[in-house]
PDB file of N, CA and C in Angstrom:
ATOM      1  N   UNK A   1     127.806 123.039 111.054  1.00  0.00           N
ATOM      2  CA  UNK A   1     126.922 121.935 110.742  1.00  0.00           C
ATOM      3  C   UNK A   1     125.567 122.173 111.415  1.00  0.00           C
ATOM      4  N   UNK A   2     124.511 121.933 110.686  1.00  0.00           N
ATOM      5  CA  UNK A   2     123.161 122.175 111.172  1.00  0.00           C
ATOM      6  C   UNK A   2     122.758 121.106 112.190  1.00  0.00           C
ATOM      7  N   UNK A   3     122.118 121.534 113.267  1.00  0.00           N
ATOM      8  CA  UNK A   3     121.621 120.608 114.270  1.00  0.00           C
ATOM      9  C   UNK A   3     120.325 119.990 113.762  1.00  0.00           C
ATOM     10  N   UNK A   4     120.339 118.666 113.541  1.00  0.00           N
ATOM     11  CA  UNK A   4     119.178 117.994 112.955  1.00  0.00           C
ATOM     12  C   UNK A   4     117.965 118.024 113.869  1.00  0.00           C
ATOM     13  N   UNK A   5     118.163 118.172 115.167  1.00  0.00           N
ATOM     14  CA  UNK A   5     117.024 118.233 116.077  1.00  0.00           C
ATOM     15  C   UNK A   5     116.223 119.516 115.913  1.00  0.00           C
ATOM     16  N   UNK A   6     116.826 120.522 115.322  1.00  0.00           N
ATOM     17  CA  UNK A   6     116.139 121.802 115.157  1.00  0.00           C
ATOM     18  C   UNK A   6     115.594 122.025 113.747  1.00  0.00           C
ATOM     19  N   UNK A   7     115.744 121.028 112.904  1.00  0.00           N
ATOM     20  CA  UNK A   7     115.254 121.172 111.537  1.00  0.00           C
ATOM     21  C   UNK A   7     113.732 121.125 111.555  1.00  0.00           C
ATOM     22  N   UNK A   8     113.109 122.134 110.995  1.00  0.00           N
ATOM     23  CA  UNK A   8     111.652 122.159 110.946  1.00  0.00           C
ATOM     24  C   UNK A   8     111.161 121.231 109.850  1.00  0.00           C
ATOM     25  N   UNK A   9     110.023 120.638 110.123  1.00  0.00           N
ATOM     26  CA  UNK A   9     109.398 119.778 109.130  1.00  0.00           C
ATOM     27  C   UNK A   9     108.949 120.660 107.975  1.00  0.00           C
ATOM     28  N   UNK A  10     109.255 120.246 106.766  1.00  0.00           N
ATOM     29  CA  UNK A  10     108.904 121.057 105.602  1.00  0.00           C
ATOM     30  C   UNK A  10     107.974 120.268 104.704  1.00  0.00           C
ATOM     31  N   UNK A  11     106.702 120.575 104.806  1.00  0.00           N
ATOM     32  CA  UNK A  11     105.703 119.932 103.968  1.00  0.00           C
ATOM     33  C   UNK A  11     105.141 120.963 103.030  1.00  0.00           C
ATOM     34  N   UNK A  12     104.731 120.480 101.887  1.00  0.00           N
ATOM     35  CA  UNK A  12     104.144 121.365 100.903  1.00  0.00           C
ATOM     36  C   UNK A  12     102.709 121.744 101.276  1.00  0.00           C
ATOM     37  N   UNK A  13     102.007 120.801 101.935  1.00  0.00           N
ATOM     38  CA  UNK A  13     100.603 121.015 102.272  1.00  0.00           C
ATOM     39  C   UNK A  13     100.388 120.946 103.776  1.00  0.00           C
ATOM     40  N   UNK A  14      99.454 121.705 104.262  1.00  0.00           N
ATOM     41  CA  UNK A  14      99.067 121.664 105.679  1.00  0.00           C
ATOM     42  C   UNK A  14      98.432 120.309 105.982  1.00  0.00           C
ATOM     43  N   UNK A  15      98.691 119.807 107.182  1.00  0.00           N
ATOM     44  CA  UNK A  15      98.058 118.576 107.647  1.00  0.00           C
ATOM     45  C   UNK A  15      97.264 118.887 108.895  1.00  0.00           C
ATOM     46  N   UNK A  16      96.174 118.138 109.063  1.00  0.00           N
ATOM     47  CA  UNK A  16      95.379 118.272 110.280  1.00  0.00           C
ATOM     48  C   UNK A  16      95.258 116.891 110.922  1.00  0.00           C
ATOM     49  N   UNK A  17      95.162 116.878 112.248  1.00  0.00           N
ATOM     50  CA  UNK A  17      94.903 115.623 112.940  1.00  0.00           C
ATOM     51  C   UNK A  17      93.524 115.135 112.538  1.00  0.00           C
ATOM     52  N   UNK A  18      93.406 113.812 112.371  1.00  0.00           N
ATOM     53  CA  UNK A  18      92.130 113.257 111.938  1.00  0.00           C
ATOM     54  C   UNK A  18      92.045 111.791 112.351  1.00  0.00           C
ATOM     55  N   UNK A  19      90.834 111.299 112.428  1.00  0.00           N
ATOM     56  CA  UNK A  19      90.600 109.871 112.679  1.00  0.00           C
ATOM     57  C   UNK A  19      89.602 109.397 111.632  1.00  0.00           C
ATOM     58  N   UNK A  20      90.087 109.299 110.393  1.00  0.00           N
ATOM     59  CA  UNK A  20      89.244 108.927 109.267  1.00  0.00           C
ATOM     60  C   UNK A  20      89.475 107.461 108.909  1.00  0.00           C
ATOM     61  N   UNK A  21      88.455 106.837 108.350  1.00  0.00           N
ATOM     62  CA  UNK A  21      88.595 105.458 107.888  1.00  0.00           C
ATOM     63  C   UNK A  21      89.518 105.416 106.669  1.00  0.00           C
ATOM     64  N   UNK A  22      90.553 104.574 106.762  1.00  0.00           N
ATOM     65  CA  UNK A  22      91.509 104.400 105.662  1.00  0.00           C
ATOM     66  C   UNK A  22      91.557 102.922 105.307  1.00  0.00           C
ATOM     67  N   UNK A  23      91.463 102.628 104.029  1.00  0.00           N
ATOM     68  CA  UNK A  23      91.647 101.254 103.539  1.00  0.00           C
ATOM     69  C   UNK A  23      92.844 101.288 102.601  1.00  0.00           C
ATOM     70  N   UNK A  24      93.725 100.304 102.719  1.00  0.00           N
ATOM     71  CA  UNK A  24      94.916 100.300 101.874  1.00  0.00           C
ATOM     72  C   UNK A  24      95.321  98.889 101.504  1.00  0.00           C
ATOM     73  N   UNK A  25      96.039  98.799 100.379  1.00  0.00           N
ATOM     74  CA  UNK A  25      96.642  97.531  99.973  1.00  0.00           C
ATOM     75  C   UNK A  25      97.844  97.806  99.099  1.00  0.00           C
ATOM     76  N   UNK A  26      98.777  96.871  99.136  1.00  0.00           N
ATOM     77  CA  UNK A  26      99.990  96.963  98.336  1.00  0.00           C
ATOM     78  C   UNK A  26      99.605  96.895  96.866  1.00  0.00           C
ATOM     79  N   UNK A  27     100.073  97.841  96.078  1.00  0.00           N
ATOM     80  CA  UNK A  27      99.728  97.922  94.661  1.00  0.00           C
ATOM     81  C   UNK A  27     100.296  96.754  93.859  1.00  0.00           C
ATOM     82  N   UNK A  28     101.443  96.238  94.275  1.00  0.00           N
ATOM     83  CA  UNK A  28     102.113  95.187  93.498  1.00  0.00           C
ATOM     84  C   UNK A  28     101.695  93.779  93.878  1.00  0.00           C
ATOM     85  N   UNK A  29     100.963  93.650  94.964  1.00  0.00           N
ATOM     86  CA  UNK A  29     100.556  92.316  95.409  1.00  0.00           C
ATOM     87  C   UNK A  29      99.038  92.236  95.415  1.00  0.00           C
ATOM     88  N   UNK A  30      98.466  91.874  94.268  1.00  0.00           N
ATOM     89  CA  UNK A  30      97.011  91.843  94.135  1.00  0.00           C
ATOM     90  C   UNK A  30      96.350  90.838  95.061  1.00  0.00           C
ATOM     91  N   UNK A  31      97.102  89.790  95.448  1.00  0.00           N
ATOM     92  CA  UNK A  31      96.501  88.795  96.328  1.00  0.00           C
ATOM     93  C   UNK A  31      96.395  89.294  97.773  1.00  0.00           C
ATOM     94  N   UNK A  32      97.090  90.372  98.089  1.00  0.00           N
ATOM     95  CA  UNK A  32      97.012  90.919  99.445  1.00  0.00           C
ATOM     96  C   UNK A  32      95.633  91.507  99.684  1.00  0.00           C
ATOM     97  N   UNK A  33      95.093  91.271 100.880  1.00  0.00           N
ATOM     98  CA  UNK A  33      93.774  91.833 101.183  1.00  0.00           C
ATOM     99  C   UNK A  33      93.865  93.335 101.426  1.00  0.00           C
ATOM    100  N   UNK A  34      92.731  93.974 101.325  1.00  0.00           N
ATOM    101  CA  UNK A  34      92.638  95.378 101.705  1.00  0.00           C
ATOM    102  C   UNK A  34      92.560  95.432 103.223  1.00  0.00           C
ATOM    103  N   UNK A  35      93.363  96.297 103.820  1.00  0.00           N
ATOM    104  CA  UNK A  35      93.448  96.413 105.274  1.00  0.00           C
ATOM    105  C   UNK A  35      92.823  97.730 105.691  1.00  0.00           C
ATOM    106  N   UNK A  36      92.110  97.695 106.810  1.00  0.00           N
ATOM    107  CA  UNK A  36      91.461  98.908 107.313  1.00  0.00           C
ATOM    108  C   UNK A  36      92.245  99.490 108.472  1.00  0.00           C
ATOM    109  N   UNK A  37      92.236 100.803 108.556  1.00  0.00           N
ATOM    110  CA  UNK A  37      92.936 101.509 109.620  1.00  0.00           C
ATOM    111  C   UNK A  37      92.241 102.846 109.857  1.00  0.00           C
ATOM    112  N   UNK A  38      92.807 103.625 110.771  1.00  0.00           N
ATOM    113  CA  UNK A  38      92.339 104.990 111.002  1.00  0.00           C
ATOM    114  C   UNK A  38      93.493 105.941 110.738  1.00  0.00           C
ATOM    115  N   UNK A  39      93.172 107.070 110.147  1.00  0.00           N
ATOM    116  CA  UNK A  39      94.208 108.069 109.902  1.00  0.00           C
ATOM    117  C   UNK A  39      94.613 108.743 111.202  1.00  0.00           C
ATOM    118  N   UNK A  40      95.855 109.232 111.238  1.00  0.00           N
ATOM    119  CA  UNK A  40      96.350 110.068 112.335  1.00  0.00           C
ATOM    120  C   UNK A  40      96.282 111.532 111.912  1.00  0.00           C
ATOM    121  N   UNK A  41      96.614 111.771 110.637  1.00  0.00           N
ATOM    122  CA  UNK A  41      96.496 113.107 110.072  1.00  0.00           C
ATOM    123  C   UNK A  41      96.360 112.991 108.570  1.00  0.00           C
ATOM    124  N   UNK A  42      95.912 114.085 107.954  1.00  0.00           N
ATOM    125  CA  UNK A  42      95.703 114.100 106.506  1.00  0.00           C
ATOM    126  C   UNK A  42      96.000 115.491 105.975  1.00  0.00           C
ATOM    127  N   UNK A  43      96.463 115.535 104.734  1.00  0.00           N
ATOM    128  CA  UNK A  43      96.686 116.781 104.020  1.00  0.00           C
ATOM    129  C   UNK A  43      96.465 116.527 102.539  1.00  0.00           C
ATOM    130  N   UNK A  44      96.530 117.564 101.749  1.00  0.00           N
ATOM    131  CA  UNK A  44      96.345 117.404 100.310  1.00  0.00           C
ATOM    132  C   UNK A  44      97.433 116.531  99.690  1.00  0.00           C
ATOM    133  N   UNK A  45      98.578 116.448 100.359  1.00  0.00           N
ATOM    134  CA  UNK A  45      99.695 115.701  99.800  1.00  0.00           C
ATOM    135  C   UNK A  45      99.867 114.293 100.334  1.00  0.00           C
ATOM    136  N   UNK A  46      99.072 113.916 101.367  1.00  0.00           N
ATOM    137  CA  UNK A  46      99.241 112.574 101.896  1.00  0.00           C
ATOM    138  C   UNK A  46      98.450 112.331 103.157  1.00  0.00           C
ATOM    139  N   UNK A  47      98.634 111.125 103.697  1.00  0.00           N
ATOM    140  CA  UNK A  47      97.908 110.701 104.890  1.00  0.00           C
ATOM    141  C   UNK A  47      98.830 109.858 105.761  1.00  0.00           C
ATOM    142  N   UNK A  48      98.647 109.947 107.055  1.00  0.00           N
ATOM    143  CA  UNK A  48      99.389 109.136 108.012  1.00  0.00           C
ATOM    144  C   UNK A  48      98.395 108.223 108.724  1.00  0.00           C
ATOM    145  N   UNK A  49      98.735 106.943 108.856  1.00  0.00           N
ATOM    146  CA  UNK A  49      97.859 105.998 109.547  1.00  0.00           C
ATOM    147  C   UNK A  49      98.685 104.927 110.239  1.00  0.00           C
ATOM    148  N   UNK A  50      98.051 104.189 111.129  1.00  0.00           N
ATOM    149  CA  UNK A  50      98.711 103.086 111.822  1.00  0.00           C
ATOM    150  C   UNK A  50      98.524 101.794 111.046  1.00  0.00           C
ATOM    151  N   UNK A  51      99.516 100.916 111.181  1.00  0.00           N
ATOM    152  CA  UNK A  51      99.458  99.611 110.536  1.00  0.00           C
ATOM    153  C   UNK A  51     100.012  98.567 111.490  1.00  0.00           C
ATOM    154  N   UNK A  52      99.439  97.396 111.456  1.00  0.00           N
ATOM    155  CA  UNK A  52      99.932  96.297 112.271  1.00  0.00           C
ATOM    156  C   UNK A  52     101.082  95.566 111.622  1.00  0.00           C
ATOM    157  N   UNK A  53     101.471  96.000 110.422  1.00  0.00           N
ATOM    158  CA  UNK A  53     102.565  95.339 109.713  1.00  0.00           C
ATOM    159  C   UNK A  53     103.595  96.366 109.247  1.00  0.00           C
ATOM    160  N   UNK A  54     104.826  95.910 109.125  1.00  0.00           N
ATOM    161  CA  UNK A  54     105.886  96.754 108.586  1.00  0.00           C
ATOM    162  C   UNK A  54     105.671  96.865 107.079  1.00  0.00           C
ATOM    163  N   UNK A  55     105.725  98.075 106.563  1.00  0.00           N
ATOM    164  CA  UNK A  55     105.612  98.313 105.116  1.00  0.00           C
ATOM    165  C   UNK A  55     106.859  99.064 104.700  1.00  0.00           C
ATOM    166  N   UNK A  56     107.556  98.558 103.703  1.00  0.00           N
ATOM    167  CA  UNK A  56     108.850  99.134 103.338  1.00  0.00           C
ATOM    168  C   UNK A  56     108.707 100.518 102.712  1.00  0.00           C
ATOM    169  N   UNK A  57     109.758 101.313 102.879  1.00  0.00           N
ATOM    170  CA  UNK A  57     109.804 102.649 102.280  1.00  0.00           C
ATOM    171  C   UNK A  57     109.621 102.546 100.774  1.00  0.00           C
ATOM    172  N   UNK A  58     108.969 103.526 100.217  1.00  0.00           N
ATOM    173  CA  UNK A  58     108.710 103.651  98.780  1.00  0.00           C
ATOM    174  C   UNK A  58     107.731 102.605  98.257  1.00  0.00           C
ATOM    175  N   UNK A  59     107.166 101.777  99.134  1.00  0.00           N
ATOM    176  CA  UNK A  59     106.146 100.814  98.710  1.00  0.00           C
ATOM    177  C   UNK A  59     104.962 101.593  98.140  1.00  0.00           C
ATOM    178  N   UNK A  60     104.510 101.185  96.974  1.00  0.00           N
ATOM    179  CA  UNK A  60     103.356 101.817  96.350  1.00  0.00           C
ATOM    180  C   UNK A  60     102.091 101.111  96.848  1.00  0.00           C
ATOM    181  N   UNK A  61     101.071 101.898  97.171  1.00  0.00           N
ATOM    182  CA  UNK A  61      99.824 101.309  97.624  1.00  0.00           C
ATOM    183  C   UNK A  61      98.625 102.097  97.117  1.00  0.00           C
ATOM    184  N   UNK A  62      97.488 101.433  97.156  1.00  0.00           N
ATOM    185  CA  UNK A  62      96.224 102.098  96.851  1.00  0.00           C
ATOM    186  C   UNK A  62      95.574 102.414  98.187  1.00  0.00           C
ATOM    187  N   UNK A  63      95.213 103.668  98.388  1.00  0.00           N
ATOM    188  CA  UNK A  63      94.534 104.061  99.621  1.00  0.00           C
ATOM    189  C   UNK A  63      93.161 104.635  99.284  1.00  0.00           C
ATOM    190  N   UNK A  64      92.206 104.323 100.155  1.00  0.00           N
ATOM    191  CA  UNK A  64      90.868 104.898 100.078  1.00  0.00           C
ATOM    192  C   UNK A  64      90.586 105.538 101.425  1.00  0.00           C
ATOM    193  N   UNK A  65      90.183 106.782 101.403  1.00  0.00           N
ATOM    194  CA  UNK A  65      89.938 107.534 102.629  1.00  0.00           C
ATOM    195  C   UNK A  65      88.497 108.016 102.613  1.00  0.00           C
ATOM    196  N   UNK A  66      87.791 107.746 103.696  1.00  0.00           N
ATOM    197  CA  UNK A  66      86.403 108.187 103.799  1.00  0.00           C
ATOM    198  C   UNK A  66      86.347 109.491 104.582  1.00  0.00           C
ATOM    199  N   UNK A  67      85.904 110.534 103.904  1.00  0.00           N
ATOM    200  CA  UNK A  67      85.711 111.832 104.547  1.00  0.00           C
ATOM    201  C   UNK A  67      84.259 111.932 105.008  1.00  0.00           C
ATOM    202  N   UNK A  68      84.013 112.523 106.175  1.00  0.00           N
ATOM    203  CA  UNK A  68      82.625 112.646 106.645  1.00  0.00           C
ATOM    204  C   UNK A  68      81.797 113.607 105.793  1.00  0.00           C
ATOM    205  N   UNK A  69      82.451 114.417 104.986  1.00  0.00           N
ATOM    206  CA  UNK A  69      81.756 115.439 104.206  1.00  0.00           C
ATOM    207  C   UNK A  69      81.320 114.959 102.825  1.00  0.00           C
ATOM    208  N   UNK A  70      81.771 113.765 102.409  1.00  0.00           N
ATOM    209  CA  UNK A  70      81.406 113.276 101.077  1.00  0.00           C
ATOM    210  C   UNK A  70      81.098 111.783 101.132  1.00  0.00           C
ATOM    211  N   UNK A  71      80.115 111.331 100.351  1.00  0.00           N
ATOM    212  CA  UNK A  71      79.735 109.913 100.403  1.00  0.00           C
ATOM    213  C   UNK A  71      80.739 108.977  99.714  1.00  0.00           C
ATOM    214  N   UNK A  72      81.411 109.476  98.682  1.00  0.00           N
ATOM    215  CA  UNK A  72      82.340 108.634  97.919  1.00  0.00           C
ATOM    216  C   UNK A  72      83.749 108.761  98.494  1.00  0.00           C
ATOM    217  N   UNK A  73      84.425 107.624  98.749  1.00  0.00           N
ATOM    218  CA  UNK A  73      85.774 107.725  99.311  1.00  0.00           C
ATOM    219  C   UNK A  73      86.780 108.350  98.338  1.00  0.00           C
ATOM    220  N   UNK A  74      87.798 108.974  98.916  1.00  0.00           N
ATOM    221  CA  UNK A  74      88.926 109.499  98.151  1.00  0.00           C
ATOM    222  C   UNK A  74      89.790 108.298  97.773  1.00  0.00           C
ATOM    223  N   UNK A  75      90.228 108.229  96.536  1.00  0.00           N
ATOM    224  CA  UNK A  75      91.119 107.140  96.117  1.00  0.00           C
ATOM    225  C   UNK A  75      92.405 107.746  95.582  1.00  0.00           C
ATOM    226  N   UNK A  76      93.525 107.115  95.951  1.00  0.00           N
ATOM    227  CA  UNK A  76      94.814 107.609  95.476  1.00  0.00           C
ATOM    228  C   UNK A  76      95.815 106.469  95.423  1.00  0.00           C
ATOM    229  N   UNK A  77      96.780 106.638  94.558  1.00  0.00           N
ATOM    230  CA  UNK A  77      97.964 105.778  94.592  1.00  0.00           C
ATOM    231  C   UNK A  77      99.004 106.575  95.363  1.00  0.00           C
ATOM    232  N   UNK A  78      99.601 105.928  96.349  1.00  0.00           N
ATOM    233  CA  UNK A  78     100.542 106.631  97.210  1.00  0.00           C
ATOM    234  C   UNK A  78     101.804 105.793  97.383  1.00  0.00           C
ATOM    235  N   UNK A  79     102.790 106.414  98.027  1.00  0.00           N
ATOM    236  CA  UNK A  79     104.000 105.669  98.390  1.00  0.00           C
ATOM    237  C   UNK A  79     104.321 105.954  99.847  1.00  0.00           C
ATOM    238  N   UNK A  80     104.946 104.971 100.482  1.00  0.00           N
ATOM    239  CA  UNK A  80     105.354 105.141 101.876  1.00  0.00           C
ATOM    240  C   UNK A  80     106.541 106.090 101.898  1.00  0.00           C
ATOM    241  N   UNK A  81     106.364 107.243 102.553  1.00  0.00           N
ATOM    242  CA  UNK A  81     107.422 108.249 102.643  1.00  0.00           C
ATOM    243  C   UNK A  81     108.282 108.029 103.884  1.00  0.00           C
ATOM    244  N   UNK A  82     107.639 107.516 104.954  1.00  0.00           N
ATOM    245  CA  UNK A  82     108.369 107.209 106.186  1.00  0.00           C
ATOM    246  C   UNK A  82     107.571 106.199 106.991  1.00  0.00           C
ATOM    247  N   UNK A  83     108.265 105.513 107.896  1.00  0.00           N
ATOM    248  CA  UNK A  83     107.623 104.541 108.772  1.00  0.00           C
ATOM    249  C   UNK A  83     108.300 104.617 110.131  1.00  0.00           C
ATOM    250  N   UNK A  84     107.483 104.565 111.202  1.00  0.00           N
ATOM    251  CA  UNK A  84     108.007 104.600 112.567  1.00  0.00           C
ATOM    252  C   UNK A  84     107.361 103.495 113.381  1.00  0.00           C
ATOM    253  N   UNK A  85     108.155 102.801 114.160  1.00  0.00           N
ATOM    254  CA  UNK A  85     107.627 101.797 115.083  1.00  0.00           C
ATOM    255  C   UNK A  85     106.987 102.533 116.248  1.00  0.00           C
ATOM    256  N   UNK A  86     105.786 102.123 116.608  1.00  0.00           N
ATOM    257  CA  UNK A  86     105.118 102.695 117.777  1.00  0.00           C
ATOM    258  C   UNK A  86     105.674 101.960 118.993  1.00  0.00           C
ATOM    259  N   UNK A  87     106.220 102.696 119.963  1.00  0.00           N
ATOM    260  CA  UNK A  87     106.916 102.060 121.093  1.00  0.00           C
ATOM    261  C   UNK A  87     106.106 100.990 121.832  1.00  0.00           C
ATOM    262  N   UNK A  88     104.842 101.241 122.084  1.00  0.00           N
ATOM    263  CA  UNK A  88     104.026 100.267 122.811  1.00  0.00           C
ATOM    264  C   UNK A  88     103.313  99.364 121.805  1.00  0.00           C
ATOM    265  N   UNK A  89     103.715  98.103 121.730  1.00  0.00           N
ATOM    266  CA  UNK A  89     103.030  97.169 120.838  1.00  0.00           C
ATOM    267  C   UNK A  89     103.794  96.893 119.561  1.00  0.00           C
ATOM    268  N   UNK A  90     103.110  96.191 118.674  1.00  0.00           N
ATOM    269  CA  UNK A  90     103.719  95.782 117.399  1.00  0.00           C
ATOM    270  C   UNK A  90     103.089  96.522 116.231  1.00  0.00           C
ATOM    271  N   UNK A  91     102.925  97.822 116.370  1.00  0.00           N
ATOM    272  CA  UNK A  91     102.315  98.620 115.318  1.00  0.00           C
ATOM    273  C   UNK A  91     103.309  99.632 114.770  1.00  0.00           C
ATOM    274  N   UNK A  92     102.960 100.164 113.615  1.00  0.00           N
ATOM    275  CA  UNK A  92     103.798 101.149 112.936  1.00  0.00           C
ATOM    276  C   UNK A  92     102.924 102.331 112.527  1.00  0.00           C
ATOM    277  N   UNK A  93     103.533 103.501 112.500  1.00  0.00           N
ATOM    278  CA  UNK A  93     102.892 104.686 111.937  1.00  0.00           C
ATOM    279  C   UNK A  93     103.472 104.838 110.536  1.00  0.00           C
ATOM    280  N   UNK A  94     102.595 104.964 109.556  1.00  0.00           N
ATOM    281  CA  UNK A  94     102.993 105.014 108.152  1.00  0.00           C
ATOM    282  C   UNK A  94     102.659 106.386 107.579  1.00  0.00           C
ATOM    283  N   UNK A  95     103.663 107.085 107.058  1.00  0.00           N
ATOM    284  CA  UNK A  95     103.448 108.356 106.373  1.00  0.00           C
ATOM    285  C   UNK A  95     103.396 108.104 104.882  1.00  0.00           C
ATOM    286  N   UNK A  96     102.294 108.472 104.262  1.00  0.00           N
ATOM    287  CA  UNK A  96     102.073 108.223 102.839  1.00  0.00           C
ATOM    288  C   UNK A  96     102.015 109.521 102.057  1.00  0.00           C
ATOM    289  N   UNK A  97     102.654 109.514 100.913  1.00  0.00           N
ATOM    290  CA  UNK A  97     102.609 110.657  99.994  1.00  0.00           C
ATOM    291  C   UNK A  97     101.776 110.259  98.790  1.00  0.00           C
ATOM    292  N   UNK A  98     100.786 111.078  98.444  1.00  0.00           N
ATOM    293  CA  UNK A  98      99.966 110.794  97.265  1.00  0.00           C
ATOM    294  C   UNK A  98     100.799 110.984  96.005  1.00  0.00           C
ATOM    295  N   UNK A  99     100.755 109.999  95.123  1.00  0.00           N
ATOM    296  CA  UNK A  99     101.437 110.098  93.834  1.00  0.00           C
ATOM    297  C   UNK A  99     100.442 110.396  92.717  1.00  0.00           C
ATOM    298  N   UNK A 100      99.308 109.706  92.753  1.00  0.00           N
ATOM    299  CA  UNK A 100      98.270 109.903  91.741  1.00  0.00           C
ATOM    300  C   UNK A 100      96.941 110.070  92.458  1.00  0.00           C
ATOM    301  N   UNK A 101      96.360 111.245  92.287  1.00  0.00           N
ATOM    302  CA  UNK A 101      95.065 111.548  92.886  1.00  0.00           C
ATOM    303  C   UNK A 101      94.377 112.542  91.962  1.00  0.00           C
ATOM    304  N   UNK A 102      93.069 112.378  91.789  1.00  0.00           N
ATOM    305  CA  UNK A 102      92.368 113.299  90.887  1.00  0.00           C
ATOM    306  C   UNK A 102      92.302 114.690  91.508  1.00  0.00           C
ATOM    307  N   UNK A 103      92.142 115.673  90.654  1.00  0.00           N
ATOM    308  CA  UNK A 103      92.008 117.048  91.142  1.00  0.00           C
ATOM    309  C   UNK A 103      90.767 117.159  92.024  1.00  0.00           C
ATOM    310  N   UNK A 104      89.675 116.499  91.651  1.00  0.00           N
ATOM    311  CA  UNK A 104      88.449 116.542  92.457  1.00  0.00           C
ATOM    312  C   UNK A 104      88.691 115.986  93.856  1.00  0.00           C
ATOM    313  N   UNK A 105      89.397 114.850  93.944  1.00  0.00           N
ATOM    314  CA  UNK A 105      89.660 114.268  95.256  1.00  0.00           C
ATOM    315  C   UNK A 105      90.581 115.159  96.091  1.00  0.00           C
ATOM    316  N   UNK A 106      91.589 115.749  95.455  1.00  0.00           N
ATOM    317  CA  UNK A 106      92.482 116.653  96.188  1.00  0.00           C
ATOM    318  C   UNK A 106      91.694 117.876  96.674  1.00  0.00           C
ATOM    319  N   UNK A 107      90.787 118.375  95.831  1.00  0.00           N
ATOM    320  CA  UNK A 107      89.944 119.514  96.225  1.00  0.00           C
ATOM    321  C   UNK A 107      89.029 119.149  97.388  1.00  0.00           C
ATOM    322  N   UNK A 108      88.505 117.908  97.395  1.00  0.00           N
ATOM    323  CA  UNK A 108      87.634 117.480  98.494  1.00  0.00           C
ATOM    324  C   UNK A 108      88.424 117.406  99.796  1.00  0.00           C
ATOM    325  N   UNK A 109      89.664 116.959  99.745  1.00  0.00           N
ATOM    326  CA  UNK A 109      90.514 116.946 100.943  1.00  0.00           C
ATOM    327  C   UNK A 109      90.744 118.374 101.420  1.00  0.00           C
ATOM    328  N   UNK A 110      91.058 119.270 100.490  1.00  0.00           N
ATOM    329  CA  UNK A 110      91.299 120.673 100.835  1.00  0.00           C
ATOM    330  C   UNK A 110      90.069 121.295 101.494  1.00  0.00           C
ATOM    331  N   UNK A 111      88.888 121.044 100.934  1.00  0.00           N
ATOM    332  CA  UNK A 111      87.650 121.590 101.506  1.00  0.00           C
ATOM    333  C   UNK A 111      87.419 121.037 102.911  1.00  0.00           C
ATOM    334  N   UNK A 112      87.662 119.729 103.097  1.00  0.00           N
ATOM    335  CA  UNK A 112      87.504 119.116 104.415  1.00  0.00           C
ATOM    336  C   UNK A 112      88.451 119.762 105.428  1.00  0.00           C
ATOM    337  N   UNK A 113      89.710 119.940 105.054  1.00  0.00           N
ATOM    338  CA  UNK A 113      90.694 120.558 105.938  1.00  0.00           C
ATOM    339  C   UNK A 113      90.263 121.980 106.309  1.00  0.00           C
ATOM    340  N   UNK A 114      89.842 122.737 105.304  1.00  0.00           N
ATOM    341  CA  UNK A 114      89.394 124.109 105.564  1.00  0.00           C
ATOM    342  C   UNK A 114      88.199 124.156 106.510  1.00  0.00           C
ATOM    343  N   UNK A 115      87.264 123.216 106.368  1.00  0.00           N
ATOM    344  CA  UNK A 115      86.117 123.160 107.280  1.00  0.00           C
ATOM    345  C   UNK A 115      86.547 122.865 108.702  1.00  0.00           C
ATOM    346  N   UNK A 116      87.460 121.903 108.867  1.00  0.00           N
ATOM    347  CA  UNK A 116      87.932 121.534 110.196  1.00  0.00           C
ATOM    348  C   UNK A 116      88.682 122.704 110.835  1.00  0.00           C
ATOM    349  N   UNK A 117      89.551 123.351 110.060  1.00  0.00           N
ATOM    350  CA  UNK A 117      90.326 124.486 110.584  1.00  0.00           C
ATOM    351  C   UNK A 117      89.366 125.608 110.991  1.00  0.00           C
ATOM    352  N   UNK A 118      88.363 125.873 110.166  1.00  0.00           N
ATOM    353  CA  UNK A 118      87.402 126.931 110.468  1.00  0.00           C
ATOM    354  C   UNK A 118      86.621 126.621 111.750  1.00  0.00           C
ATOM    355  N   UNK A 119      86.244 125.358 111.942  1.00  0.00           N
ATOM    356  CA  UNK A 119      85.511 124.968 113.144  1.00  0.00           C
ATOM    357  C   UNK A 119      86.363 125.075 114.406  1.00  0.00           C
ATOM    358  N   UNK A 120      87.660 124.897 114.254  1.00  0.00           N
ATOM    359  CA  UNK A 120      88.571 124.905 115.413  1.00  0.00           C
ATOM    360  C   UNK A 120      89.167 126.277 115.713  1.00  0.00           C
ATOM    361  N   UNK A 121      88.759 127.306 114.969  1.00  0.00           N
ATOM    362  CA  UNK A 121      89.303 128.645 115.233  1.00  0.00           C
ATOM    363  C   UNK A 121      88.294 129.531 115.899  1.00  0.00           C
TER     364      UNK A 121
END
């Protein structure tokens, strides 16, 4: 039997640590306000950010991410892939997987990641 503590994380896309402006709202509840947060990391396949509220797994949401390299925010429909309670306080870390994102927006994320990686090497 495989030891689950040794299982490597398997993502399709590279992620980098980031502190980008993220705005999100539940796709199914139009009356819900748009909430602002900061990203923890981002990749072509998704974004991780903190939330002051519990959001259920597989919840669909609209996310807007502001990259410092482009004036127009990235927009995507995403789903909650995982959620973790942050030990100190009443916050949660939310892992989001992009479901619908334009090729241009995905390319802009890729270019941003490549710039950051290049600057840090």
